[in-house]
Amino acid sequence: MTMSMYAASVPVFQHMLRNLVHILDKGEASAQARGFDPSVLTTYRLAPDMLPFTRQVLIACDAAKLGVARISGVEAPKFEDNEASFGDLKARIQKTLDYLQSVPASALDGKEDKEITFPVGRDKTRTMTAQAYLTTWALPNFFFHVTTTYAILRHNGVDLGKADYLAGSAPR
């Protein structure tokens, strides 16, 4: 049995974005419990040449919405990228979830061979089929930024584990 483009994308993005909210909740609660302003974490980076925590969350959201938009042709909302607090970031995730919920399966299914041209860096593009784009670019990019968000919080002492990443707040 083959998996549909919808099943391979939207539910995966939704699941991990909900888990990302759980991870952010734990990060914010940890900062408060340890007596420091959670905004300290929003600018943290694991390496000097890496984007900070806030950008990791924003890019994860963009990877999900733009991945689905490019394949489906359903225009994605534009966000201002001005989120600064944990609350702002969770609201951004919710807006992304709302967009994903609005895209019907019929807009993605059957688009495996559609040619997708997308930006790579500031001045280059790349073209591939929608199936290749989803499996070798959109999903890996999304997971990279979700994982990096998790790693930044974990590195800063937030009590997170694999179950938080994979299952979020779902009963274990």
Protein backbone atom coordinates (compact mmCIF):
# COMPACT_ATOMS: atom_id res chain seq x y z
CA MET A 1 0.00 0.00 0.00
CA THR A 2 1.31 3.43 -0.89
CA MET A 3 1.17 6.40 1.43
CA SER A 4 -0.54 9.53 0.20
CA MET A 5 1.26 12.86 0.01
CA TYR A 6 -1.23 14.23 2.53
CA ALA A 7 -0.62 11.40 5.01
CA ALA A 8 3.14 11.80 4.65
CA SER A 9 3.04 15.53 5.31
CA VAL A 10 0.19 17.29 7.11
CA PRO A 11 -0.36 14.83 10.01
CA VAL A 12 3.43 14.56 10.51
CA PHE A 13 3.84 18.34 10.63
CA GLN A 14 0.82 18.68 12.94
CA HIS A 15 2.06 16.02 15.35
CA MET A 16 5.52 17.49 15.67
CA LEU A 17 4.29 21.09 15.93
CA ARG A 18 2.07 20.04 18.84
CA ASN A 19 5.08 18.35 20.39
CA LEU A 20 7.04 21.55 19.83
CA VAL A 21 4.42 23.46 21.86
CA HIS A 22 4.90 20.90 24.64
CA ILE A 23 8.67 21.38 24.46
CA LEU A 24 8.26 25.17 24.63
CA ASP A 25 5.90 24.81 27.59
CA LYS A 26 8.53 22.80 29.43
CA GLY A 27 11.23 25.32 28.54
CA GLU A 28 9.21 28.25 29.80
CA ALA A 29 8.20 26.42 32.99
CA SER A 30 11.81 25.42 33.63
CA ALA A 31 13.02 29.01 33.37
CA GLN A 32 10.31 30.21 35.72
CA ALA A 33 10.96 27.39 38.22
CA ARG A 34 14.68 28.16 38.17
CA GLY A 35 14.06 31.88 38.65
CA PHE A 36 15.19 33.44 35.40
CA ASP A 37 13.45 35.27 32.59
CA PRO A 38 12.49 32.80 29.83
CA SER A 39 13.55 35.38 27.23
CA VAL A 40 17.15 34.44 28.04
CA LEU A 41 16.48 31.19 26.17
CA THR A 42 14.90 32.82 23.11
CA THR A 43 18.21 34.31 21.95
CA TYR A 44 20.37 31.30 22.78
CA ARG A 45 22.35 29.50 20.05
CA LEU A 46 24.42 26.34 20.24
CA ALA A 47 27.19 27.81 18.09
CA PRO A 48 28.15 31.39 17.18
CA ASP A 49 27.29 30.91 13.49
CA MET A 50 23.92 29.30 14.18
CA LEU A 51 20.51 30.95 14.22
CA PRO A 52 19.07 31.56 17.70
CA PHE A 53 16.29 29.62 19.39
CA THR A 54 13.48 31.90 18.19
CA ARG A 55 14.52 31.56 14.54
CA GLN A 56 14.64 27.76 14.90
CA VAL A 57 10.95 27.75 15.87
CA LEU A 58 10.00 30.21 13.11
CA ILE A 59 11.82 28.19 10.47
CA ALA A 60 10.21 24.95 11.66
CA CYS A 61 6.81 26.61 11.20
CA ASP A 62 7.79 27.96 7.79
CA ALA A 63 9.13 24.59 6.66
CA ALA A 64 5.76 23.01 7.45
CA LYS A 65 3.54 25.69 5.92
CA LEU A 66 5.68 26.34 2.85
CA GLY A 67 6.24 22.64 2.23
CA VAL A 68 2.50 22.05 2.16
CA ALA A 69 1.84 25.25 0.18
CA ARG A 70 4.37 24.47 -2.53
CA ILE A 71 2.96 21.00 -3.07
CA SER A 72 -0.74 21.83 -2.73
CA GLY A 73 -0.86 25.25 -4.36
CA VAL A 74 -2.91 26.49 -1.37
CA GLU A 75 -1.40 29.86 -0.51
CA ALA A 76 0.29 29.96 2.88
CA PRO A 77 -0.25 32.89 5.22
CA LYS A 78 2.59 35.36 5.55
CA PHE A 79 3.90 35.97 9.04
CA GLU A 80 5.90 39.00 10.17
CA ASP A 81 8.66 37.01 11.92
CA ASN A 82 8.56 39.35 14.91
CA GLU A 83 7.88 36.75 17.60
CA ALA A 84 10.03 37.27 20.67
CA SER A 85 8.49 35.47 23.64
CA PHE A 86 7.48 31.89 24.34
CA GLY A 87 3.86 33.02 24.07
CA ASP A 88 4.53 34.60 20.69
CA LEU A 89 6.22 31.43 19.47
CA LYS A 90 3.35 29.22 20.61
CA ALA A 91 0.90 31.56 18.84
CA ARG A 92 3.00 31.23 15.66
CA ILE A 93 2.85 27.46 15.93
CA GLN A 94 -0.93 27.64 16.36
CA LYS A 95 -1.28 29.84 13.27
CA THR A 96 0.75 27.27 11.34
CA LEU A 97 -1.45 24.46 12.66
CA ASP A 98 -4.54 26.43 11.63
CA TYR A 99 -3.19 26.77 8.09
CA LEU A 100 -2.32 23.07 7.87
CA GLN A 101 -5.83 22.18 9.06
CA SER A 102 -7.28 24.29 6.24
CA VAL A 103 -5.52 22.36 3.46
CA PRO A 104 -7.63 19.46 2.19
CA ALA A 105 -6.04 16.10 1.43
CA SER A 106 -7.23 16.45 -2.17
CA ALA A 107 -4.89 19.43 -2.63
CA LEU A 108 -1.84 17.23 -1.93
CA ASP A 109 -2.74 13.74 -3.04
CA GLY A 110 -1.75 12.88 -6.57
CA LYS A 111 0.86 15.66 -6.71
CA GLU A 112 3.87 13.32 -6.36
CA ASP A 113 5.25 14.23 -9.81
CA LYS A 114 4.51 17.96 -9.68
CA GLU A 115 7.68 20.00 -10.25
CA ILE A 116 8.55 22.16 -7.25
CA THR A 117 11.05 25.00 -7.59
CA PHE A 118 12.07 26.54 -4.29
CA PRO A 119 14.73 28.91 -2.96
CA VAL A 120 17.97 27.49 -1.65
CA GLY A 121 19.88 30.23 0.09
CA ARG A 122 19.66 33.83 -0.96
CA ASP A 123 20.14 33.59 -4.71
CA LYS A 124 19.69 30.00 -5.86
CA THR A 125 16.78 27.71 -6.54
CA ARG A 126 16.35 23.98 -6.81
CA THR A 127 13.74 21.97 -8.68
CA MET A 128 12.52 18.46 -7.91
CA THR A 129 9.33 16.45 -7.88
CA ALA A 130 6.91 17.08 -5.04
CA GLN A 131 7.54 13.62 -3.59
CA ALA A 132 11.32 14.13 -3.61
CA TYR A 133 10.86 17.65 -2.23
CA LEU A 134 8.73 16.39 0.65
CA THR A 135 10.90 13.42 1.57
CA THR A 136 14.39 14.83 0.97
CA TRP A 137 13.97 18.54 1.70
CA ALA A 138 10.80 19.74 3.46
CA LEU A 139 10.55 17.03 6.12
CA PRO A 140 14.30 16.86 6.89
CA ASN A 141 14.49 20.67 7.12
CA PHE A 142 11.46 20.73 9.42
CA PHE A 143 12.86 18.02 11.70
CA PHE A 144 16.28 19.74 11.77
CA HIS A 145 14.77 22.92 13.22
CA VAL A 146 12.45 21.13 15.66
CA THR A 147 15.40 19.04 16.85
CA THR A 148 17.62 22.10 17.19
CA THR A 149 14.96 23.84 19.28
CA TYR A 150 14.82 20.78 21.52
CA ALA A 151 18.63 20.64 21.73
CA ILE A 152 18.94 24.29 22.74
CA LEU A 153 16.50 23.82 25.60
CA ARG A 154 18.05 20.50 26.64
CA HIS A 155 21.50 22.07 26.59
CA ASN A 156 20.19 24.79 28.91
CA GLY A 157 19.06 22.30 31.52
CA VAL A 158 15.40 21.88 30.60
CA ASP A 159 14.22 18.45 31.71
CA LEU A 160 13.39 17.05 28.29
CA GLY A 161 13.69 13.54 26.98
CA LYS A 162 13.03 11.55 23.86
CA ALA A 163 9.40 11.02 24.89
CA ASP A 164 8.87 14.80 24.95
CA TYR A 165 10.19 15.02 21.40
CA LEU A 166 8.25 12.05 20.04
CA ALA A 167 5.04 12.08 22.07
CA GLY A 168 4.79 15.59 23.49
CA SER A 169 2.09 15.75 26.12
CA ALA A 170 0.28 12.63 24.89
CA PRO A 171 -0.31 9.99 27.57
CA ARG A 172 2.63 7.62 27.81
